[in-house]
Amino acid sequence: TSGAVRFRGRDITAMPVHRRTALGLGRTF
């Protein structure tokens, strides 16, 4: 709703999941 998420200085707050994965974020559930 508010605030920001940055990965290596890049704002990814509104970035879709697949693009974050391509940047190098991997996640388990």
PDB file of all heavy atoms in Angstrom:
ATOM      1  N   THR A   1       0.833  -1.196   0.000  1.00  0.00           N
ATOM      2  CA  THR A   1       0.000   0.000   0.000  1.00  0.00           C
ATOM      3  C   THR A   1       0.868   1.245   0.000  1.00  0.00           C
ATOM      4  O   THR A   1       0.550   2.251  -0.642  1.00  0.00           O
ATOM      5  CB  THR A   1      -0.922   0.002   1.244  1.00  0.00           C
ATOM      6  OG1 THR A   1      -1.640  -1.238   1.309  1.00  0.00           O
ATOM      7  CG2 THR A   1      -1.901   1.157   1.196  1.00  0.00           C
ATOM      8  N   SER A   2       1.981   1.179   0.713  1.00  0.00           N
ATOM      9  CA  SER A   2       2.949   2.281   0.737  1.00  0.00           C
ATOM     10  C   SER A   2       4.319   1.707   1.041  1.00  0.00           C
ATOM     11  O   SER A   2       4.455   0.559   1.471  1.00  0.00           O
ATOM     12  CB  SER A   2       2.561   3.332   1.782  1.00  0.00           C
ATOM     13  OG  SER A   2       2.552   2.763   3.082  1.00  0.00           O
ATOM     14  N   GLY A   3       5.361   2.518   0.805  1.00  0.00           N
ATOM     15  CA  GLY A   3       6.728   2.068   1.024  1.00  0.00           C
ATOM     16  C   GLY A   3       7.367   1.562  -0.251  1.00  0.00           C
ATOM     17  O   GLY A   3       6.756   1.592  -1.334  1.00  0.00           O
ATOM     18  N   ALA A   4       8.610   1.100  -0.146  1.00  0.00           N
ATOM     19  CA  ALA A   4       9.366   0.694  -1.327  1.00  0.00           C
ATOM     20  C   ALA A   4      10.214  -0.532  -1.034  1.00  0.00           C
ATOM     21  O   ALA A   4      10.660  -0.752   0.096  1.00  0.00           O
ATOM     22  CB  ALA A   4      10.267   1.840  -1.799  1.00  0.00           C
ATOM     23  N   VAL A   5      10.434  -1.340  -2.088  1.00  0.00           N
ATOM     24  CA  VAL A   5      11.338  -2.487  -2.048  1.00  0.00           C
ATOM     25  C   VAL A   5      12.392  -2.259  -3.117  1.00  0.00           C
ATOM     26  O   VAL A   5      12.060  -2.002  -4.286  1.00  0.00           O
ATOM     27  CB  VAL A   5      10.593  -3.810  -2.314  1.00  0.00           C
ATOM     28  CG1 VAL A   5      11.577  -4.987  -2.299  1.00  0.00           C
ATOM     29  CG2 VAL A   5       9.489  -4.030  -1.296  1.00  0.00           C
ATOM     30  N   ARG A   6      13.676  -2.342  -2.735  1.00  0.00           N
ATOM     31  CA  ARG A   6      14.761  -2.140  -3.690  1.00  0.00           C
ATOM     32  C   ARG A   6      15.705  -3.336  -3.670  1.00  0.00           C
ATOM     33  O   ARG A   6      16.051  -3.843  -2.601  1.00  0.00           O
ATOM     34  CB  ARG A   6      15.532  -0.852  -3.388  1.00  0.00           C
ATOM     35  CG  ARG A   6      14.788   0.410  -3.774  1.00  0.00           C
ATOM     36  CD  ARG A   6      15.627   1.657  -3.554  1.00  0.00           C
ATOM     37  NE  ARG A   6      15.765   1.938  -2.135  1.00  0.00           N
ATOM     38  CZ  ARG A   6      14.882   2.653  -1.431  1.00  0.00           C
ATOM     39  NH1 ARG A   6      13.813   3.145  -2.015  1.00  0.00           N
ATOM     40  NH2 ARG A   6      15.078   2.863  -0.144  1.00  0.00           N
ATOM     41  N   PHE A   7      16.111  -3.752  -4.863  1.00  0.00           N
ATOM     42  CA  PHE A   7      17.064  -4.846  -5.016  1.00  0.00           C
ATOM     43  C   PHE A   7      18.303  -4.296  -5.693  1.00  0.00           C
ATOM     44  O   PHE A   7      18.240  -3.810  -6.812  1.00  0.00           O
ATOM     45  CB  PHE A   7      16.445  -5.973  -5.849  1.00  0.00           C
ATOM     46  CG  PHE A   7      17.375  -7.140  -6.091  1.00  0.00           C
ATOM     47  CD1 PHE A   7      17.813  -7.925  -5.044  1.00  0.00           C
ATOM     48  CD2 PHE A   7      17.805  -7.441  -7.380  1.00  0.00           C
ATOM     49  CE1 PHE A   7      18.664  -8.993  -5.260  1.00  0.00           C
ATOM     50  CE2 PHE A   7      18.653  -8.507  -7.611  1.00  0.00           C
ATOM     51  CZ  PHE A   7      19.091  -9.285  -6.550  1.00  0.00           C
ATOM     52  N   ARG A   8      19.421  -4.318  -4.968  1.00  0.00           N
ATOM     53  CA  ARG A   8      20.677  -3.736  -5.442  1.00  0.00           C
ATOM     54  C   ARG A   8      20.465  -2.311  -5.953  1.00  0.00           C
ATOM     55  O   ARG A   8      20.965  -1.927  -7.017  1.00  0.00           O
ATOM     56  CB  ARG A   8      21.315  -4.621  -6.514  1.00  0.00           C
ATOM     57  CG  ARG A   8      21.743  -5.990  -5.974  1.00  0.00           C
ATOM     58  CD  ARG A   8      22.741  -6.692  -6.866  1.00  0.00           C
ATOM     59  NE  ARG A   8      23.192  -7.936  -6.280  1.00  0.00           N
ATOM     60  CZ  ARG A   8      24.134  -8.061  -5.335  1.00  0.00           C
ATOM     61  NH1 ARG A   8      24.720  -6.982  -4.875  1.00  0.00           N
ATOM     62  NH2 ARG A   8      24.481  -9.242  -4.862  1.00  0.00           N
ATOM     63  N   GLY A   9      19.714  -1.540  -5.191  1.00  0.00           N
ATOM     64  CA  GLY A   9      19.487  -0.138  -5.493  1.00  0.00           C
ATOM     65  C   GLY A   9      18.384   0.145  -6.484  1.00  0.00           C
ATOM     66  O   GLY A   9      18.011   1.306  -6.683  1.00  0.00           O
ATOM     67  N   ARG A  10      17.828  -0.884  -7.087  1.00  0.00           N
ATOM     68  CA  ARG A  10      16.778  -0.711  -8.093  1.00  0.00           C
ATOM     69  C   ARG A  10      15.407  -0.890  -7.458  1.00  0.00           C
ATOM     70  O   ARG A  10      15.156  -1.883  -6.770  1.00  0.00           O
ATOM     71  CB  ARG A  10      16.964  -1.731  -9.211  1.00  0.00           C
ATOM     72  CG  ARG A  10      15.937  -1.646 -10.327  1.00  0.00           C
ATOM     73  CD  ARG A  10      16.293  -2.616 -11.428  1.00  0.00           C
ATOM     74  NE  ARG A  10      15.334  -2.569 -12.524  1.00  0.00           N
ATOM     75  CZ  ARG A  10      15.463  -3.281 -13.652  1.00  0.00           C
ATOM     76  NH1 ARG A  10      16.515  -4.067 -13.825  1.00  0.00           N
ATOM     77  NH2 ARG A  10      14.549  -3.174 -14.589  1.00  0.00           N
ATOM     78  N   ASP A  11      14.498   0.060  -7.704  1.00  0.00           N
ATOM     79  CA  ASP A  11      13.154  -0.013  -7.151  1.00  0.00           C
ATOM     80  C   ASP A  11      12.365  -1.102  -7.880  1.00  0.00           C
ATOM     81  O   ASP A  11      12.136  -1.009  -9.091  1.00  0.00           O
ATOM     82  CB  ASP A  11      12.446   1.338  -7.304  1.00  0.00           C
ATOM     83  CG  ASP A  11      11.155   1.410  -6.491  1.00  0.00           C
ATOM     84  OD1 ASP A  11      10.495   0.364  -6.321  1.00  0.00           O
ATOM     85  OD2 ASP A  11      10.805   2.510  -6.031  1.00  0.00           O
ATOM     86  N   ILE A  12      11.957  -2.137  -7.135  1.00  0.00           N
ATOM     87  CA  ILE A  12      11.210  -3.248  -7.739  1.00  0.00           C
ATOM     88  C   ILE A  12       9.810  -3.368  -7.139  1.00  0.00           C
ATOM     89  O   ILE A  12       9.139  -4.381  -7.318  1.00  0.00           O
ATOM     90  CB  ILE A  12      11.967  -4.585  -7.575  1.00  0.00           C
ATOM     91  CG1 ILE A  12      12.139  -4.948  -6.088  1.00  0.00           C
ATOM     92  CG2 ILE A  12      13.321  -4.547  -8.279  1.00  0.00           C
ATOM     93  CD1 ILE A  12      12.670  -6.358  -5.858  1.00  0.00           C
ATOM     94  N   THR A  13       9.358  -2.305  -6.471  1.00  0.00           N
ATOM     95  CA  THR A  13       8.100  -2.356  -5.719  1.00  0.00           C
ATOM     96  C   THR A  13       6.927  -2.813  -6.574  1.00  0.00           C
ATOM     97  O   THR A  13       6.069  -3.581  -6.109  1.00  0.00           O
ATOM     98  CB  THR A  13       7.787  -0.976  -5.107  1.00  0.00           C
ATOM     99  OG1 THR A  13       8.941  -0.493  -4.417  1.00  0.00           O
ATOM    100  CG2 THR A  13       6.619  -1.059  -4.143  1.00  0.00           C
ATOM    101  N   ALA A  14       6.860  -2.339  -7.819  1.00  0.00           N
ATOM    102  CA  ALA A  14       5.729  -2.674  -8.695  1.00  0.00           C
ATOM    103  C   ALA A  14       6.116  -3.665  -9.794  1.00  0.00           C
ATOM    104  O   ALA A  14       5.336  -3.903 -10.715  1.00  0.00           O
ATOM    105  CB  ALA A  14       5.166  -1.395  -9.318  1.00  0.00           C
ATOM    106  N   MET A  15       7.291  -4.248  -9.700  1.00  0.00           N
ATOM    107  CA  MET A  15       7.775  -5.154 -10.751  1.00  0.00           C
ATOM    108  C   MET A  15       7.097  -6.521 -10.636  1.00  0.00           C
ATOM    109  O   MET A  15       6.948  -7.049  -9.537  1.00  0.00           O
ATOM    110  CB  MET A  15       9.300  -5.315 -10.625  1.00  0.00           C
ATOM    111  CG  MET A  15       9.954  -6.120 -11.725  1.00  0.00           C
ATOM    112  SD  MET A  15      11.764  -6.228 -11.493  1.00  0.00           S
ATOM    113  CE  MET A  15      12.249  -4.545 -11.910  1.00  0.00           C
ATOM    114  N   PRO A  16       6.684  -7.129 -11.763  1.00  0.00           N
ATOM    115  CA  PRO A  16       6.041  -8.446 -11.692  1.00  0.00           C
ATOM    116  C   PRO A  16       7.002  -9.536 -11.227  1.00  0.00           C
ATOM    117  O   PRO A  16       8.231  -9.394 -11.310  1.00  0.00           O
ATOM    118  CB  PRO A  16       5.564  -8.689 -13.123  1.00  0.00           C
ATOM    119  CG  PRO A  16       6.379  -7.788 -13.973  1.00  0.00           C
ATOM    120  CD  PRO A  16       6.711  -6.598 -13.134  1.00  0.00           C
ATOM    121  N   VAL A  17       6.422 -10.647 -10.776  1.00  0.00           N
ATOM    122  CA  VAL A  17       7.195 -11.734 -10.169  1.00  0.00           C
ATOM    123  C   VAL A  17       8.265 -12.262 -11.122  1.00  0.00           C
ATOM    124  O   VAL A  17       9.427 -12.442 -10.722  1.00  0.00           O
ATOM    125  CB  VAL A  17       6.253 -12.884  -9.748  1.00  0.00           C
ATOM    126  CG1 VAL A  17       7.062 -14.080  -9.234  1.00  0.00           C
ATOM    127  CG2 VAL A  17       5.271 -12.424  -8.691  1.00  0.00           C
ATOM    128  N   HIS A  18       7.912 -12.519 -12.390  1.00  0.00           N
ATOM    129  CA  HIS A  18       8.861 -13.161 -13.304  1.00  0.00           C
ATOM    130  C   HIS A  18      10.068 -12.277 -13.576  1.00  0.00           C
ATOM    131  O   HIS A  18      11.179 -12.776 -13.775  1.00  0.00           O
ATOM    132  CB  HIS A  18       8.166 -13.553 -14.619  1.00  0.00           C
ATOM    133  CG  HIS A  18       7.762 -12.400 -15.477  1.00  0.00           C
ATOM    134  ND1 HIS A  18       6.603 -11.681 -15.263  1.00  0.00           N
ATOM    135  CD2 HIS A  18       8.370 -11.830 -16.559  1.00  0.00           C
ATOM    136  CE1 HIS A  18       6.503 -10.728 -16.177  1.00  0.00           C
ATOM    137  NE2 HIS A  18       7.561 -10.794 -16.969  1.00  0.00           N
ATOM    138  N   ARG A  19       9.867 -10.958 -13.567  1.00  0.00           N
ATOM    139  CA  ARG A  19      11.008 -10.066 -13.783  1.00  0.00           C
ATOM    140  C   ARG A  19      11.929 -10.037 -12.565  1.00  0.00           C
ATOM    141  O   ARG A  19      13.144  -9.930 -12.702  1.00  0.00           O
ATOM    142  CB  ARG A  19      10.515  -8.656 -14.115  1.00  0.00           C
ATOM    143  CG  ARG A  19       9.892  -8.539 -15.513  1.00  0.00           C
ATOM    144  CD  ARG A  19       9.615  -7.103 -15.874  1.00  0.00           C
ATOM    145  NE  ARG A  19      10.830  -6.299 -15.840  1.00  0.00           N
ATOM    146  CZ  ARG A  19      10.832  -4.963 -15.781  1.00  0.00           C
ATOM    147  NH1 ARG A  19       9.675  -4.304 -15.724  1.00  0.00           N
ATOM    148  NH2 ARG A  19      11.963  -4.294 -15.767  1.00  0.00           N
ATOM    149  N   ARG A  20      11.357 -10.150 -11.374  1.00  0.00           N
ATOM    150  CA  ARG A  20      12.194 -10.214 -10.174  1.00  0.00           C
ATOM    151  C   ARG A  20      13.005 -11.514 -10.166  1.00  0.00           C
ATOM    152  O   ARG A  20      14.176 -11.513  -9.763  1.00  0.00           O
ATOM    153  CB  ARG A  20      11.318 -10.135  -8.912  1.00  0.00           C
ATOM    154  CG  ARG A  20      10.534  -8.849  -8.817  1.00  0.00           C
ATOM    155  CD  ARG A  20       9.818  -8.705  -7.493  1.00  0.00           C
ATOM    156  NE  ARG A  20       8.718  -7.758  -7.611  1.00  0.00           N
ATOM    157  CZ  ARG A  20       8.258  -7.014  -6.626  1.00  0.00           C
ATOM    158  NH1 ARG A  20       8.787  -7.098  -5.427  1.00  0.00           N
ATOM    159  NH2 ARG A  20       7.248  -6.190  -6.809  1.00  0.00           N
ATOM    160  N   THR A  21      12.387 -12.602 -10.608  1.00  0.00           N
ATOM    161  CA  THR A  21      13.106 -13.872 -10.707  1.00  0.00           C
ATOM    162  C   THR A  21      14.272 -13.751 -11.671  1.00  0.00           C
ATOM    163  O   THR A  21      15.378 -14.233 -11.391  1.00  0.00           O
ATOM    164  CB  THR A  21      12.150 -14.992 -11.152  1.00  0.00           C
ATOM    165  OG1 THR A  21      11.066 -15.095 -10.223  1.00  0.00           O
ATOM    166  CG2 THR A  21      12.882 -16.327 -11.218  1.00  0.00           C
ATOM    167  N   ALA A  22      14.042 -13.094 -12.810  1.00  0.00           N
ATOM    168  CA  ALA A  22      15.102 -12.910 -13.803  1.00  0.00           C
ATOM    169  C   ALA A  22      16.242 -12.054 -13.256  1.00  0.00           C
ATOM    170  O   ALA A  22      17.404 -12.224 -13.646  1.00  0.00           O
ATOM    171  CB  ALA A  22      14.527 -12.286 -15.076  1.00  0.00           C
ATOM    172  N   LEU A  23      15.929 -11.141 -12.338  1.00  0.00           N
ATOM    173  CA  LEU A  23      16.965 -10.308 -11.724  1.00  0.00           C
ATOM    174  C   LEU A  23      17.821 -11.095 -10.736  1.00  0.00           C
ATOM    175  O   LEU A  23      18.945 -10.681 -10.427  1.00  0.00           O
ATOM    176  CB  LEU A  23      16.336  -9.122 -10.994  1.00  0.00           C
ATOM    177  CG  LEU A  23      15.806  -7.963 -11.833  1.00  0.00           C
ATOM    178  CD1 LEU A  23      15.182  -6.905 -10.928  1.00  0.00           C
ATOM    179  CD2 LEU A  23      16.909  -7.343 -12.677  1.00  0.00           C
ATOM    180  N   GLY A  24      17.270 -12.206 -10.203  1.00  0.00           N
ATOM    181  CA  GLY A  24      18.049 -13.021  -9.270  1.00  0.00           C
ATOM    182  C   GLY A  24      17.408 -13.248  -7.926  1.00  0.00           C
ATOM    183  O   GLY A  24      18.093 -13.648  -6.979  1.00  0.00           O
ATOM    184  N   LEU A  25      16.084 -13.011  -7.805  1.00  0.00           N
ATOM    185  CA  LEU A  25      15.379 -13.332  -6.562  1.00  0.00           C
ATOM    186  C   LEU A  25      14.785 -14.730  -6.678  1.00  0.00           C
ATOM    187  O   LEU A  25      13.998 -15.006  -7.583  1.00  0.00           O
ATOM    188  CB  LEU A  25      14.253 -12.328  -6.288  1.00  0.00           C
ATOM    189  CG  LEU A  25      14.632 -11.025  -5.571  1.00  0.00           C
ATOM    190  CD1 LEU A  25      15.374 -10.101  -6.523  1.00  0.00           C
ATOM    191  CD2 LEU A  25      13.386 -10.317  -5.034  1.00  0.00           C
ATOM    192  N   GLY A  26      15.166 -15.628  -5.774  1.00  0.00           N
ATOM    193  CA  GLY A  26      14.610 -16.976  -5.729  1.00  0.00           C
ATOM    194  C   GLY A  26      13.918 -17.192  -4.409  1.00  0.00           C
ATOM    195  O   GLY A  26      14.406 -16.748  -3.366  1.00  0.00           O
ATOM    196  N   ARG A  27      12.781 -17.896  -4.438  1.00  0.00           N
ATOM    197  CA  ARG A  27      11.966 -17.995  -3.222  1.00  0.00           C
ATOM    198  C   ARG A  27      11.328 -19.375  -3.083  1.00  0.00           C
ATOM    199  O   ARG A  27      10.859 -19.954  -4.061  1.00  0.00           O
ATOM    200  CB  ARG A  27      10.870 -16.917  -3.299  1.00  0.00           C
ATOM    201  CG  ARG A  27      10.037 -16.785  -2.013  1.00  0.00           C
ATOM    202  CD  ARG A  27       8.582 -17.098  -2.319  1.00  0.00           C
ATOM    203  NE  ARG A  27       7.752 -17.106  -1.133  1.00  0.00           N
ATOM    204  CZ  ARG A  27       6.792 -16.227  -0.870  1.00  0.00           C
ATOM    205  NH1 ARG A  27       6.541 -15.263  -1.723  1.00  0.00           N
ATOM    206  NH2 ARG A  27       6.084 -16.349   0.240  1.00  0.00           N
ATOM    207  N   THR A  28      11.322 -19.903  -1.860  1.00  0.00           N
ATOM    208  CA  THR A  28      10.535 -21.092  -1.539  1.00  0.00           C
ATOM    209  C   THR A  28       9.278 -20.652  -0.798  1.00  0.00           C
ATOM    210  O   THR A  28       9.145 -19.490  -0.402  1.00  0.00           O
ATOM    211  CB  THR A  28      11.316 -22.095  -0.665  1.00  0.00           C
ATOM    212  OG1 THR A  28      11.548 -21.505   0.627  1.00  0.00           O
ATOM    213  CG2 THR A  28      12.645 -22.465  -1.303  1.00  0.00           C
ATOM    214  N   PHE A  29       8.349 -21.615  -0.604  1.00  0.00           N
ATOM    215  CA  PHE A  29       7.058 -21.303  -0.010  1.00  0.00           C
ATOM    216  C   PHE A  29       6.793 -22.191   1.196  1.00  0.00           C
ATOM    217  O   PHE A  29       7.428 -23.238   1.363  1.00  0.00           O
ATOM    218  CB  PHE A  29       5.939 -21.485  -1.041  1.00  0.00           C
ATOM    219  CG  PHE A  29       6.022 -20.530  -2.204  1.00  0.00           C
ATOM    220  CD1 PHE A  29       6.859 -20.794  -3.277  1.00  0.00           C
ATOM    221  CD2 PHE A  29       5.280 -19.360  -2.211  1.00  0.00           C
ATOM    222  CE1 PHE A  29       6.955 -19.912  -4.343  1.00  0.00           C
ATOM    223  CE2 PHE A  29       5.363 -18.476  -3.267  1.00  0.00           C
ATOM    224  CZ  PHE A  29       6.203 -18.745  -4.341  1.00  0.00           C
TER     225      PHE A  29
END
